[in-house]
Amino acid sequence: MVSQSAIEKATIAEALYKNGSIPVKKIAKQLDISKTTLYLYLRLRNVRIGEKISEVLAG
């Protein structure tokens, strides 16, 4: 079971990650989570890792 706090952080992490202008390390630091946890949250939200929103829109 995922906590409400984790769900909220995952949602915020997804938005920041997809924006593409903030490095992963900085997103993790802002959310007070590790980079490993950040990538776990992104996978939980079915975010395609390594693909930014600009690439999705262009492709």
PDB file of N, CA and C in Angstrom:
ATOM      1  N   MET A   1       0.853  -1.188   0.000  1.00  0.00           N
ATOM      2  CA  MET A   1       0.000   0.000   0.000  1.00  0.00           C
ATOM      3  C   MET A   1       0.895   1.248   0.000  1.00  0.00           C
ATOM      4  N   VAL A   2       0.535   2.216  -0.781  1.00  0.00           N
ATOM      5  CA  VAL A   2       1.294   3.454  -0.896  1.00  0.00           C
ATOM      6  C   VAL A   2       0.585   4.537  -0.075  1.00  0.00           C
ATOM      7  N   SER A   3       1.362   5.270   0.711  1.00  0.00           N
ATOM      8  CA  SER A   3       0.774   6.313   1.561  1.00  0.00           C
ATOM      9  C   SER A   3       0.269   7.491   0.732  1.00  0.00           C
ATOM     10  N   GLN A   4      -0.608   8.268   1.335  1.00  0.00           N
ATOM     11  CA  GLN A   4      -1.134   9.467   0.661  1.00  0.00           C
ATOM     12  C   GLN A   4       0.005  10.431   0.346  1.00  0.00           C
ATOM     13  N   SER A   5       0.959  10.555   1.276  1.00  0.00           N
ATOM     14  CA  SER A   5       2.113  11.428   1.062  1.00  0.00           C
ATOM     15  C   SER A   5       2.926  10.974  -0.154  1.00  0.00           C
ATOM     16  N   ALA A   6       3.108   9.663  -0.293  1.00  0.00           N
ATOM     17  CA  ALA A   6       3.864   9.127  -1.430  1.00  0.00           C
ATOM     18  C   ALA A   6       3.127   9.390  -2.735  1.00  0.00           C
ATOM     19  N   ILE A   7       1.809   9.247  -2.720  1.00  0.00           N
ATOM     20  CA  ILE A   7       1.013   9.508  -3.920  1.00  0.00           C
ATOM     21  C   ILE A   7       1.146  10.972  -4.335  1.00  0.00           C
ATOM     22  N   GLU A   8       1.087  11.864  -3.352  1.00  0.00           N
ATOM     23  CA  GLU A   8       1.227  13.293  -3.642  1.00  0.00           C
ATOM     24  C   GLU A   8       2.607  13.602  -4.211  1.00  0.00           C
ATOM     25  N   LYS A   9       3.644  13.042  -3.590  1.00  0.00           N
ATOM     26  CA  LYS A   9       5.004  13.275  -4.077  1.00  0.00           C
ATOM     27  C   LYS A   9       5.190  12.700  -5.474  1.00  0.00           C
ATOM     28  N   ALA A  10       4.587  11.548  -5.726  1.00  0.00           N
ATOM     29  CA  ALA A  10       4.695  10.927  -7.050  1.00  0.00           C
ATOM     30  C   ALA A  10       4.043  11.806  -8.116  1.00  0.00           C
ATOM     31  N   THR A  11       2.912  12.397  -7.780  1.00  0.00           N
ATOM     32  CA  THR A  11       2.215  13.284  -8.721  1.00  0.00           C
ATOM     33  C   THR A  11       3.046  14.519  -9.017  1.00  0.00           C
ATOM     34  N   ILE A  12       3.617  15.107  -7.970  1.00  0.00           N
ATOM     35  CA  ILE A  12       4.468  16.287  -8.142  1.00  0.00           C
ATOM     36  C   ILE A  12       5.724  15.912  -8.931  1.00  0.00           C
ATOM     37  N   ALA A  13       6.321  14.776  -8.582  1.00  0.00           N
ATOM     38  CA  ALA A  13       7.525  14.319  -9.276  1.00  0.00           C
ATOM     39  C   ALA A  13       7.257  14.131 -10.764  1.00  0.00           C
ATOM     40  N   GLU A  14       6.102  13.557 -11.089  1.00  0.00           N
ATOM     41  CA  GLU A  14       5.746  13.354 -12.502  1.00  0.00           C
ATOM     42  C   GLU A  14       5.677  14.688 -13.239  1.00  0.00           C
ATOM     43  N   ALA A  15       5.013  15.655 -12.650  1.00  0.00           N
ATOM     44  CA  ALA A  15       4.862  16.964 -13.308  1.00  0.00           C
ATOM     45  C   ALA A  15       6.224  17.631 -13.517  1.00  0.00           C
ATOM     46  N   LEU A  16       7.046  17.619 -12.489  1.00  0.00           N
ATOM     47  CA  LEU A  16       8.364  18.246 -12.591  1.00  0.00           C
ATOM     48  C   LEU A  16       9.248  17.516 -13.598  1.00  0.00           C
ATOM     49  N   TYR A  17       9.204  16.202 -13.563  1.00  0.00           N
ATOM     50  CA  TYR A  17      10.030  15.404 -14.475  1.00  0.00           C
ATOM     51  C   TYR A  17       9.619  15.640 -15.929  1.00  0.00           C
ATOM     52  N   LYS A  18       8.326  15.617 -16.183  1.00  0.00           N
ATOM     53  CA  LYS A  18       7.844  15.802 -17.555  1.00  0.00           C
ATOM     54  C   LYS A  18       8.127  17.202 -18.077  1.00  0.00           C
ATOM     55  N   ASN A  19       8.208  18.169 -17.176  1.00  0.00           N
ATOM     56  CA  ASN A  19       8.540  19.535 -17.580  1.00  0.00           C
ATOM     57  C   ASN A  19       9.900  19.553 -18.267  1.00  0.00           C
ATOM     58  N   GLY A  20      10.830  18.767 -17.758  1.00  0.00           N
ATOM     59  CA  GLY A  20      12.125  18.602 -18.394  1.00  0.00           C
ATOM     60  C   GLY A  20      13.165  19.659 -18.094  1.00  0.00           C
ATOM     61  N   SER A  21      12.791  20.694 -17.351  1.00  0.00           N
ATOM     62  CA  SER A  21      13.755  21.770 -17.105  1.00  0.00           C
ATOM     63  C   SER A  21      14.463  21.642 -15.756  1.00  0.00           C
ATOM     64  N   ILE A  22      14.038  20.690 -14.941  1.00  0.00           N
ATOM     65  CA  ILE A  22      14.641  20.514 -13.620  1.00  0.00           C
ATOM     66  C   ILE A  22      15.347  19.163 -13.580  1.00  0.00           C
ATOM     67  N   PRO A  23      16.627  19.147 -13.212  1.00  0.00           N
ATOM     68  CA  PRO A  23      17.369  17.876 -13.142  1.00  0.00           C
ATOM     69  C   PRO A  23      16.758  16.931 -12.106  1.00  0.00           C
ATOM     70  N   VAL A  24      16.864  15.638 -12.375  1.00  0.00           N
ATOM     71  CA  VAL A  24      16.327  14.607 -11.485  1.00  0.00           C
ATOM     72  C   VAL A  24      16.854  14.778 -10.059  1.00  0.00           C
ATOM     73  N   LYS A  25      18.135  15.050  -9.941  1.00  0.00           N
ATOM     74  CA  LYS A  25      18.740  15.215  -8.615  1.00  0.00           C
ATOM     75  C   LYS A  25      18.056  16.340  -7.831  1.00  0.00           C
ATOM     76  N   LYS A  26      17.743  17.427  -8.509  1.00  0.00           N
ATOM     77  CA  LYS A  26      17.096  18.563  -7.855  1.00  0.00           C
ATOM     78  C   LYS A  26      15.639  18.244  -7.488  1.00  0.00           C
ATOM     79  N   ILE A  27      14.936  17.534  -8.354  1.00  0.00           N
ATOM     80  CA  ILE A  27      13.559  17.127  -8.050  1.00  0.00           C
ATOM     81  C   ILE A  27      13.557  16.274  -6.783  1.00  0.00           C
ATOM     82  N   ALA A  28      14.451  15.295  -6.738  1.00  0.00           N
ATOM     83  CA  ALA A  28      14.534  14.410  -5.577  1.00  0.00           C
ATOM     84  C   ALA A  28      14.831  15.208  -4.307  1.00  0.00           C
ATOM     85  N   LYS A  29      15.762  16.143  -4.405  1.00  0.00           N
ATOM     86  CA  LYS A  29      16.124  16.949  -3.240  1.00  0.00           C
ATOM     87  C   LYS A  29      14.936  17.798  -2.776  1.00  0.00           C
ATOM     88  N   GLN A  30      14.224  18.421  -3.721  1.00  0.00           N
ATOM     89  CA  GLN A  30      13.070  19.257  -3.376  1.00  0.00           C
ATOM     90  C   GLN A  30      11.971  18.447  -2.686  1.00  0.00           C
ATOM     91  N   LEU A  31      11.804  17.193  -3.104  1.00  0.00           N
ATOM     92  CA  LEU A  31      10.761  16.344  -2.520  1.00  0.00           C
ATOM     93  C   LEU A  31      11.262  15.550  -1.314  1.00  0.00           C
ATOM     94  N   ASP A  32      12.548  15.710  -0.991  1.00  0.00           N
ATOM     95  CA  ASP A  32      13.174  15.018   0.141  1.00  0.00           C
ATOM     96  C   ASP A  32      13.080  13.501  -0.008  1.00  0.00           C
ATOM     97  N   ILE A  33      13.402  13.026  -1.226  1.00  0.00           N
ATOM     98  CA  ILE A  33      13.434  11.598  -1.516  1.00  0.00           C
ATOM     99  C   ILE A  33      14.722  11.301  -2.276  1.00  0.00           C
ATOM    100  N   SER A  34      15.082  10.027  -2.328  1.00  0.00           N
ATOM    101  CA  SER A  34      16.273   9.643  -3.085  1.00  0.00           C
ATOM    102  C   SER A  34      15.929   9.590  -4.580  1.00  0.00           C
ATOM    103  N   LYS A  35      16.972   9.582  -5.411  1.00  0.00           N
ATOM    104  CA  LYS A  35      16.735   9.447  -6.851  1.00  0.00           C
ATOM    105  C   LYS A  35      16.099   8.095  -7.146  1.00  0.00           C
ATOM    106  N   THR A  36      16.487   7.068  -6.410  1.00  0.00           N
ATOM    107  CA  THR A  36      15.899   5.737  -6.588  1.00  0.00           C
ATOM    108  C   THR A  36      14.398   5.775  -6.330  1.00  0.00           C
ATOM    109  N   THR A  37      14.006   6.442  -5.244  1.00  0.00           N
ATOM    110  CA  THR A  37      12.579   6.569  -4.915  1.00  0.00           C
ATOM    111  C   THR A  37      11.860   7.390  -5.974  1.00  0.00           C
ATOM    112  N   LEU A  38      12.506   8.438  -6.458  1.00  0.00           N
ATOM    113  CA  LEU A  38      11.913   9.259  -7.510  1.00  0.00           C
ATOM    114  C   LEU A  38      11.594   8.401  -8.734  1.00  0.00           C
ATOM    115  N   TYR A  39      12.551   7.596  -9.173  1.00  0.00           N
ATOM    116  CA  TYR A  39      12.320   6.741 -10.334  1.00  0.00           C
ATOM    117  C   TYR A  39      11.246   5.692 -10.043  1.00  0.00           C
ATOM    118  N   LEU A  40      11.177   5.196  -8.813  1.00  0.00           N
ATOM    119  CA  LEU A  40      10.118   4.264  -8.432  1.00  0.00           C
ATOM    120  C   LEU A  40       8.755   4.940  -8.559  1.00  0.00           C
ATOM    121  N   TYR A  41       8.646   6.157  -8.042  1.00  0.00           N
ATOM    122  CA  TYR A  41       7.394   6.913  -8.146  1.00  0.00           C
ATOM    123  C   TYR A  41       7.010   7.150  -9.605  1.00  0.00           C
ATOM    124  N   LEU A  42       7.986   7.492 -10.431  1.00  0.00           N
ATOM    125  CA  LEU A  42       7.699   7.730 -11.847  1.00  0.00           C
ATOM    126  C   LEU A  42       7.186   6.451 -12.512  1.00  0.00           C
ATOM    127  N   ARG A  43       7.806   5.320 -12.173  1.00  0.00           N
ATOM    128  CA  ARG A  43       7.342   4.048 -12.737  1.00  0.00           C
ATOM    129  C   ARG A  43       5.934   3.715 -12.257  1.00  0.00           C
ATOM    130  N   LEU A  44       5.649   4.008 -10.980  1.00  0.00           N
ATOM    131  CA  LEU A  44       4.299   3.769 -10.447  1.00  0.00           C
ATOM    132  C   LEU A  44       3.249   4.579 -11.203  1.00  0.00           C
ATOM    133  N   ARG A  45       3.652   5.743 -11.715  1.00  0.00           N
ATOM    134  CA  ARG A  45       2.729   6.619 -12.455  1.00  0.00           C
ATOM    135  C   ARG A  45       2.815   6.376 -13.964  1.00  0.00           C
ATOM    136  N   ASN A  46       3.516   5.299 -14.345  1.00  0.00           N
ATOM    137  CA  ASN A  46       3.650   4.908 -15.761  1.00  0.00           C
ATOM    138  C   ASN A  46       4.284   5.994 -16.620  1.00  0.00           C
ATOM    139  N   VAL A  47       5.258   6.692 -16.038  1.00  0.00           N
ATOM    140  CA  VAL A  47       5.993   7.721 -16.776  1.00  0.00           C
ATOM    141  C   VAL A  47       7.107   7.033 -17.561  1.00  0.00           C
ATOM    142  N   ARG A  48       7.240   7.409 -18.812  1.00  0.00           N
ATOM    143  CA  ARG A  48       8.311   6.862 -19.646  1.00  0.00           C
ATOM    144  C   ARG A  48       9.610   7.575 -19.283  1.00  0.00           C
ATOM    145  N   ILE A  49      10.502   6.842 -18.662  1.00  0.00           N
ATOM    146  CA  ILE A  49      11.774   7.398 -18.197  1.00  0.00           C
ATOM    147  C   ILE A  49      12.645   7.753 -19.394  1.00  0.00           C
ATOM    148  N   GLY A  50      13.250   8.942 -19.318  1.00  0.00           N
ATOM    149  CA  GLY A  50      14.149   9.372 -20.374  1.00  0.00           C
ATOM    150  C   GLY A  50      13.455  10.095 -21.509  1.00  0.00           C
ATOM    151  N   GLU A  51      12.144  10.220 -21.411  1.00  0.00           N
ATOM    152  CA  GLU A  51      11.388  10.891 -22.469  1.00  0.00           C
ATOM    153  C   GLU A  51      10.695  12.116 -21.875  1.00  0.00           C
ATOM    154  N   LYS A  52      11.087  13.265 -22.310  1.00  0.00           N
ATOM    155  CA  LYS A  52      10.523  14.519 -21.791  1.00  0.00           C
ATOM    156  C   LYS A  52       9.276  14.906 -22.580  1.00  0.00           C
ATOM    157  N   ILE A  53       8.485  15.775 -22.040  1.00  0.00           N
ATOM    158  CA  ILE A  53       7.223  16.192 -22.660  1.00  0.00           C
ATOM    159  C   ILE A  53       7.438  16.770 -24.053  1.00  0.00           C
ATOM    160  N   SER A  54       8.538  17.508 -24.235  1.00  0.00           N
ATOM    161  CA  SER A  54       8.804  18.092 -25.551  1.00  0.00           C
ATOM    162  C   SER A  54       9.022  17.004 -26.601  1.00  0.00           C
ATOM    163  N   GLU A  55       9.645  15.881 -26.189  1.00  0.00           N
ATOM    164  CA  GLU A  55       9.873  14.779 -27.111  1.00  0.00           C
ATOM    165  C   GLU A  55       8.561  14.060 -27.430  1.00  0.00           C
ATOM    166  N   VAL A  56       7.691  13.967 -26.447  1.00  0.00           N
ATOM    167  CA  VAL A  56       6.392  13.319 -26.643  1.00  0.00           C
ATOM    168  C   VAL A  56       5.558  14.140 -27.618  1.00  0.00           C
ATOM    169  N   LEU A  57       5.545  15.451 -27.422  1.00  0.00           N
ATOM    170  CA  LEU A  57       4.758  16.328 -28.295  1.00  0.00           C
ATOM    171  C   LEU A  57       5.300  16.342 -29.724  1.00  0.00           C
ATOM    172  N   ALA A  58       6.616  16.268 -29.856  1.00  0.00           N
ATOM    173  CA  ALA A  58       7.233  16.316 -31.176  1.00  0.00           C
ATOM    174  C   ALA A  58       7.055  15.000 -31.933  1.00  0.00           C
ATOM    175  N   GLY A  59       6.961  13.899 -31.181  1.00  0.00           N
ATOM    176  CA  GLY A  59       6.926  12.591 -31.824  1.00  0.00           C
ATOM    177  C   GLY A  59       5.566  12.093 -32.047  1.00  0.00           C
TER     178      GLY A  59
END
